[in-house]
Amino acid sequence: MAWAEQSASRNGILSAWVAADPGSLELLEKARKVAASASTVLIRGESGTGKDLLASPIHYLGPNADEPLVHIDCASLPHELVESELFGYERGAFTGATQMKRGRLELAGRGTIVLDEVGALSMPVQAKLLRVIEEKQFQRLGGTRNLSVDARLIALTNVDLERAVARRTFREDLYYRLNVIPLVIPPLRERPADIRPLARHLLAQLCEVHRRPEMSFAPAALSALESYQFPGNVRELRNLLERAVIYSAVAEVGVEDLPGHVVKAGAAPASKMSLEDLERAYIAEILDYTRGKKTKAAQILGISRKTLLEKRKRYGLD
């Protein structure tokens, strides 16, 4: 899911949805309506669909666009650090706390705080977050003074929270507090009409980033992209286009610039290619691209190193 920022100023960002799929355009309209409110938003979707890219315009198209937009990735930080990053701490709260630190909630002010992968929060932090939502107050770690919070909360997740609630790994009361305005981003394979305009938009962005002259697509390359299932969603599309921009010696992206498994998927009947087959081929391609460097491969894939190791074992890529 991509947004093209048309202008940036102190008054916010006017953004356009790069899409042609009716479902995507409907989601955009919902996001515009949500932006005008201060309601809590829960954005759901598979990894790589662009949940964070949808959260940003909701803030900048809202009434508090001049206020901070603060982001915290709940999955990439150890549990003990998430709490101190979110709430801050007082001097002497724990060993090494030599001075007071303001947390992300405090830094957000009257703006927006985005909790990426909220499903990864530990139960104790979930309890504190519930209090923030219900009472609009919190305390720094080691503190006794209540601090007010007036920021809008946008939570992102690729986890099935209903299943997490059933397994008692996510609080049911917090789930209902977060799920005030649910927005679901479909995977890219369910909106193939988006691929052509999205690919052209990303290609233009990448040419600018890498200081390349303007590039275009050969018709066969666009057809191959539209036929591919994209288990890695928009992140996967961007990654393979970035490689094409870097490696291509001409101003046109052809099928020879695309990974082999993408071209093969387009040439084979869709019924013969399962999603697992596509994922296995994609992971193998990325591992080959990184020359077996698992940490770098996991970053490109948008998954943890542990998840990558599990998938390598599952697909026999050891």
Foldseek 3Di string as FASTA:
>chain_A
DAWDFPDQDLLFTDIDDQFDFPVSVVLVVLLLVLLADLAFEEEEEAAQACSVNSVRRSQRSYPVNNFDEAEDELPVDPQVVVQCQAAWAADPLDPPRNHTDGHRQVRRAQGEYEYEAVLNHAPVVLVQVLCCLVVQWHHHRVGDDIDGGNYRYYYYHHDPVVVCVVVVRHPPSSVVRNHPHYRYRYFCLVRLRSQVSLLQVLLQVLCVVVVHPAAEEDPLLSLLRSQDRPPLGNLLSNVLSNQLSVPDPDRYRYPVSGDPLSNVSSVDDVVVADPLNSVLSSLLVLCVVVVNPQCVSCVSSVHHSVVSVVSCVVSVVD
